[in-house]
Amino acid sequence: MEKYGAFGEKMMYGKKVLGVIRSTFLIGPTETIERAWYAARADGHAAKVLKLLEG
């Protein structure tokens, strides 16, 4: 997770903590990361990713 930037220092309730950074990765047909979203909010995020995939 650290290698992909999905684990590290973040702010939680005004304090710096170590933990999982909410992330989404779009893996292409050649098994490479084609797009990454960090600190994604749950509301509407899946719809944004689907819209991108649809073209």
PDB file of N, CA and C in Angstrom:
ATOM      1  N   MET A   1       0.828  -1.183   0.000  1.00  0.00           N
ATOM      2  CA  MET A   1       0.000   0.000   0.000  1.00  0.00           C
ATOM      3  C   MET A   1       0.876   1.251   0.000  1.00  0.00           C
ATOM      4  N   GLU A   2       1.969   1.222   0.730  1.00  0.00           N
ATOM      5  CA  GLU A   2       2.864   2.380   0.737  1.00  0.00           C
ATOM      6  C   GLU A   2       3.427   2.646  -0.656  1.00  0.00           C
ATOM      7  N   LYS A   3       3.746   1.581  -1.383  1.00  0.00           N
ATOM      8  CA  LYS A   3       4.316   1.699  -2.724  1.00  0.00           C
ATOM      9  C   LYS A   3       3.391   2.484  -3.656  1.00  0.00           C
ATOM     10  N   TYR A   4       2.084   2.343  -3.480  1.00  0.00           N
ATOM     11  CA  TYR A   4       1.120   3.013  -4.337  1.00  0.00           C
ATOM     12  C   TYR A   4       0.548   4.287  -3.720  1.00  0.00           C
ATOM     13  N   GLY A   5       1.061   4.696  -2.580  1.00  0.00           N
ATOM     14  CA  GLY A   5       0.583   5.916  -1.953  1.00  0.00           C
ATOM     15  C   GLY A   5      -0.753   5.759  -1.269  1.00  0.00           C
ATOM     16  N   ALA A   6      -1.124   4.531  -0.948  1.00  0.00           N
ATOM     17  CA  ALA A   6      -2.422   4.275  -0.323  1.00  0.00           C
ATOM     18  C   ALA A   6      -2.312   4.062   1.186  1.00  0.00           C
ATOM     19  N   PHE A   7      -1.128   4.272   1.735  1.00  0.00           N
ATOM     20  CA  PHE A   7      -0.937   4.182   3.181  1.00  0.00           C
ATOM     21  C   PHE A   7       0.073   5.239   3.577  1.00  0.00           C
ATOM     22  N   GLY A   8      -0.234   5.990   4.601  1.00  0.00           N
ATOM     23  CA  GLY A   8       0.704   7.011   5.054  1.00  0.00           C
ATOM     24  C   GLY A   8       0.048   7.968   6.023  1.00  0.00           C
ATOM     25  N   GLU A   9       0.671   9.124   6.163  1.00  0.00           N
ATOM     26  CA  GLU A   9       0.194  10.130   7.098  1.00  0.00           C
ATOM     27  C   GLU A   9      -1.025  10.842   6.521  1.00  0.00           C
ATOM     28  N   LYS A  10      -2.030  11.013   7.361  1.00  0.00           N
ATOM     29  CA  LYS A  10      -3.240  11.721   6.962  1.00  0.00           C
ATOM     30  C   LYS A  10      -3.814  12.423   8.179  1.00  0.00           C
ATOM     31  N   MET A  11      -4.762  13.295   7.951  1.00  0.00           N
ATOM     32  CA  MET A  11      -5.418  14.000   9.048  1.00  0.00           C
ATOM     33  C   MET A  11      -6.734  13.300   9.381  1.00  0.00           C
ATOM     34  N   MET A  12      -6.935  13.051  10.664  1.00  0.00           N
ATOM     35  CA  MET A  12      -8.184  12.456  11.116  1.00  0.00           C
ATOM     36  C   MET A  12      -8.623  13.192  12.377  1.00  0.00           C
ATOM     37  N   TYR A  13      -9.754  13.846  12.278  1.00  0.00           N
ATOM     38  CA  TYR A  13     -10.289  14.617  13.399  1.00  0.00           C
ATOM     39  C   TYR A  13      -9.277  15.635  13.903  1.00  0.00           C
ATOM     40  N   GLY A  14      -8.552  16.256  12.955  1.00  0.00           N
ATOM     41  CA  GLY A  14      -7.611  17.309  13.300  1.00  0.00           C
ATOM     42  C   GLY A  14      -6.258  16.838  13.794  1.00  0.00           C
ATOM     43  N   LYS A  15      -6.015  15.530  13.785  1.00  0.00           N
ATOM     44  CA  LYS A  15      -4.734  14.983  14.239  1.00  0.00           C
ATOM     45  C   LYS A  15      -4.071  14.224  13.104  1.00  0.00           C
ATOM     46  N   LYS A  16      -2.743  14.298  13.046  1.00  0.00           N
ATOM     47  CA  LYS A  16      -2.006  13.516  12.068  1.00  0.00           C
ATOM     48  C   LYS A  16      -1.897  12.077  12.559  1.00  0.00           C
ATOM     49  N   VAL A  17      -2.265  11.145  11.691  1.00  0.00           N
ATOM     50  CA  VAL A  17      -2.201   9.720  12.014  1.00  0.00           C
ATOM     51  C   VAL A  17      -1.666   8.956  10.808  1.00  0.00           C
ATOM     52  N   LEU A  18      -1.184   7.749  11.048  1.00  0.00           N
ATOM     53  CA  LEU A  18      -0.810   6.853   9.960  1.00  0.00           C
ATOM     54  C   LEU A  18      -1.978   5.922   9.692  1.00  0.00           C
ATOM     55  N   GLY A  19      -2.283   5.716   8.424  1.00  0.00           N
ATOM     56  CA  GLY A  19      -3.376   4.810   8.102  1.00  0.00           C
ATOM     57  C   GLY A  19      -3.601   4.684   6.617  1.00  0.00           C
ATOM     58  N   VAL A  20      -4.656   3.999   6.273  1.00  0.00           N
ATOM     59  CA  VAL A  20      -5.025   3.759   4.882  1.00  0.00           C
ATOM     60  C   VAL A  20      -5.591   5.053   4.299  1.00  0.00           C
ATOM     61  N   ILE A  21      -5.078   5.445   3.143  1.00  0.00           N
ATOM     62  CA  ILE A  21      -5.581   6.605   2.419  1.00  0.00           C
ATOM     63  C   ILE A  21      -6.548   6.073   1.372  1.00  0.00           C
ATOM     64  N   ARG A  22      -7.815   6.451   1.501  1.00  0.00           N
ATOM     65  CA  ARG A  22      -8.846   5.934   0.597  1.00  0.00           C
ATOM     66  C   ARG A  22      -8.429   6.219  -0.846  1.00  0.00           C
ATOM     67  N   SER A  23      -8.302   5.182  -1.631  1.00  0.00           N
ATOM     68  CA  SER A  23      -7.795   5.299  -2.990  1.00  0.00           C
ATOM     69  C   SER A  23      -8.531   4.346  -3.927  1.00  0.00           C
ATOM     70  N   THR A  24      -8.570   4.728  -5.197  1.00  0.00           N
ATOM     71  CA  THR A  24      -9.127   3.878  -6.244  1.00  0.00           C
ATOM     72  C   THR A  24      -8.113   3.818  -7.371  1.00  0.00           C
ATOM     73  N   PHE A  25      -7.886   2.634  -7.903  1.00  0.00           N
ATOM     74  CA  PHE A  25      -6.938   2.462  -8.993  1.00  0.00           C
ATOM     75  C   PHE A  25      -7.643   1.815 -10.169  1.00  0.00           C
ATOM     76  N   LEU A  26      -7.432   2.376 -11.362  1.00  0.00           N
ATOM     77  CA  LEU A  26      -7.953   1.807 -12.590  1.00  0.00           C
ATOM     78  C   LEU A  26      -6.817   1.026 -13.241  1.00  0.00           C
ATOM     79  N   ILE A  27      -6.985  -0.291 -13.292  1.00  0.00           N
ATOM     80  CA  ILE A  27      -5.963  -1.185 -13.838  1.00  0.00           C
ATOM     81  C   ILE A  27      -6.319  -1.500 -15.286  1.00  0.00           C
ATOM     82  N   GLY A  28      -5.377  -1.273 -16.182  1.00  0.00           N
ATOM     83  CA  GLY A  28      -5.605  -1.495 -17.608  1.00  0.00           C
ATOM     84  C   GLY A  28      -5.409  -2.937 -18.019  1.00  0.00           C
ATOM     85  N   PRO A  29      -5.643  -3.214 -19.297  1.00  0.00           N
ATOM     86  CA  PRO A  29      -5.537  -4.579 -19.810  1.00  0.00           C
ATOM     87  C   PRO A  29      -4.134  -5.169 -19.702  1.00  0.00           C
ATOM     88  N   THR A  30      -3.126  -4.320 -19.628  1.00  0.00           N
ATOM     89  CA  THR A  30      -1.749  -4.817 -19.491  1.00  0.00           C
ATOM     90  C   THR A  30      -1.314  -4.855 -18.026  1.00  0.00           C
ATOM     91  N   GLU A  31      -2.303  -4.748 -17.122  1.00  0.00           N
ATOM     92  CA  GLU A  31      -2.092  -4.811 -15.675  1.00  0.00           C
ATOM     93  C   GLU A  31      -1.248  -3.667 -15.140  1.00  0.00           C
ATOM     94  N   THR A  32      -1.317  -2.503 -15.790  1.00  0.00           N
ATOM     95  CA  THR A  32      -0.654  -1.300 -15.301  1.00  0.00           C
ATOM     96  C   THR A  32      -1.712  -0.337 -14.775  1.00  0.00           C
ATOM     97  N   ILE A  33      -1.311   0.522 -13.858  1.00  0.00           N
ATOM     98  CA  ILE A  33      -2.233   1.516 -13.315  1.00  0.00           C
ATOM     99  C   ILE A  33      -2.368   2.632 -14.348  1.00  0.00           C
ATOM    100  N   GLU A  34      -3.587   2.808 -14.853  1.00  0.00           N
ATOM    101  CA  GLU A  34      -3.839   3.843 -15.841  1.00  0.00           C
ATOM    102  C   GLU A  34      -4.340   5.131 -15.216  1.00  0.00           C
ATOM    103  N   ARG A  35      -4.936   5.028 -14.042  1.00  0.00           N
ATOM    104  CA  ARG A  35      -5.466   6.207 -13.364  1.00  0.00           C
ATOM    105  C   ARG A  35      -5.557   5.898 -11.881  1.00  0.00           C
ATOM    106  N   ALA A  36      -5.289   6.909 -11.062  1.00  0.00           N
ATOM    107  CA  ALA A  36      -5.393   6.742  -9.612  1.00  0.00           C
ATOM    108  C   ALA A  36      -6.136   7.931  -9.021  1.00  0.00           C
ATOM    109  N   TRP A  37      -7.002   7.659  -8.089  1.00  0.00           N
ATOM    110  CA  TRP A  37      -7.705   8.689  -7.346  1.00  0.00           C
ATOM    111  C   TRP A  37      -7.342   8.509  -5.885  1.00  0.00           C
ATOM    112  N   TYR A  38      -6.933   9.585  -5.232  1.00  0.00           N
ATOM    113  CA  TYR A  38      -6.584   9.542  -3.811  1.00  0.00           C
ATOM    114  C   TYR A  38      -7.549  10.418  -3.031  1.00  0.00           C
ATOM    115  N   ALA A  39      -7.770  10.050  -1.785  1.00  0.00           N
ATOM    116  CA  ALA A  39      -8.674  10.782  -0.888  1.00  0.00           C
ATOM    117  C   ALA A  39     -10.055  10.932  -1.519  1.00  0.00           C
ATOM    118  N   ALA A  40     -10.510   9.905  -2.197  1.00  0.00           N
ATOM    119  CA  ALA A  40     -11.814   9.933  -2.857  1.00  0.00           C
ATOM    120  C   ALA A  40     -12.933   9.922  -1.817  1.00  0.00           C
ATOM    121  N   ARG A  41     -13.957  10.694  -2.077  1.00  0.00           N
ATOM    122  CA  ARG A  41     -15.136  10.689  -1.216  1.00  0.00           C
ATOM    123  C   ARG A  41     -16.119   9.651  -1.750  1.00  0.00           C
ATOM    124  N   ALA A  42     -16.804   8.983  -0.867  1.00  0.00           N
ATOM    125  CA  ALA A  42     -17.716   7.915  -1.269  1.00  0.00           C
ATOM    126  C   ALA A  42     -18.866   8.428  -2.140  1.00  0.00           C
ATOM    127  N   ASP A  43     -19.425   9.568  -1.781  1.00  0.00           N
ATOM    128  CA  ASP A  43     -20.576  10.109  -2.519  1.00  0.00           C
ATOM    129  C   ASP A  43     -20.190  10.472  -3.947  1.00  0.00           C
ATOM    130  N   GLY A  44     -20.748   9.762  -4.912  1.00  0.00           N
ATOM    131  CA  GLY A  44     -20.566  10.072  -6.313  1.00  0.00           C
ATOM    132  C   GLY A  44     -19.286   9.560  -6.950  1.00  0.00           C
ATOM    133  N   HIS A  45     -18.379   9.001  -6.163  1.00  0.00           N
ATOM    134  CA  HIS A  45     -17.093   8.568  -6.720  1.00  0.00           C
ATOM    135  C   HIS A  45     -17.259   7.429  -7.725  1.00  0.00           C
ATOM    136  N   ALA A  46     -18.037   6.426  -7.390  1.00  0.00           N
ATOM    137  CA  ALA A  46     -18.241   5.298  -8.308  1.00  0.00           C
ATOM    138  C   ALA A  46     -18.853   5.776  -9.615  1.00  0.00           C
ATOM    139  N   ALA A  47     -19.779   6.699  -9.557  1.00  0.00           N
ATOM    140  CA  ALA A  47     -20.411   7.223 -10.770  1.00  0.00           C
ATOM    141  C   ALA A  47     -19.391   7.950 -11.632  1.00  0.00           C
ATOM    142  N   LYS A  48     -18.464   8.688 -11.026  1.00  0.00           N
ATOM    143  CA  LYS A  48     -17.415   9.390 -11.787  1.00  0.00           C
ATOM    144  C   LYS A  48     -16.499   8.392 -12.496  1.00  0.00           C
ATOM    145  N   VAL A  49     -16.149   7.327 -11.795  1.00  0.00           N
ATOM    146  CA  VAL A  49     -15.270   6.310 -12.388  1.00  0.00           C
ATOM    147  C   VAL A  49     -15.985   5.621 -13.551  1.00  0.00           C
ATOM    148  N   LEU A  50     -17.245   5.257 -13.362  1.00  0.00           N
ATOM    149  CA  LEU A  50     -18.019   4.619 -14.434  1.00  0.00           C
ATOM    150  C   LEU A  50     -18.165   5.533 -15.650  1.00  0.00           C
ATOM    151  N   LYS A  51     -18.390   6.813 -15.409  1.00  0.00           N
ATOM    152  CA  LYS A  51     -18.518   7.776 -16.504  1.00  0.00           C
ATOM    153  C   LYS A  51     -17.223   7.831 -17.317  1.00  0.00           C
ATOM    154  N   LEU A  52     -16.086   7.807 -16.635  1.00  0.00           N
ATOM    155  CA  LEU A  52     -14.799   7.810 -17.311  1.00  0.00           C
ATOM    156  C   LEU A  52     -14.640   6.546 -18.165  1.00  0.00           C
ATOM    157  N   LEU A  53     -15.028   5.403 -17.623  1.00  0.00           N
ATOM    158  CA  LEU A  53     -14.907   4.142 -18.341  1.00  0.00           C
ATOM    159  C   LEU A  53     -15.817   4.073 -19.571  1.00  0.00           C
ATOM    160  N   GLU A  54     -16.969   4.713 -19.465  1.00  0.00           N
ATOM    161  CA  GLU A  54     -17.938   4.693 -20.561  1.00  0.00           C
ATOM    162  C   GLU A  54     -17.508   5.605 -21.711  1.00  0.00           C
ATOM    163  N   GLY A  55     -16.575   6.507 -21.437  1.00  0.00           N
ATOM    164  CA  GLY A  55     -16.053   7.286 -22.525  1.00  0.00           C
ATOM    165  C   GLY A  55     -16.299   8.716 -22.517  1.00  0.00           C
TER     166      GLY A  55
END
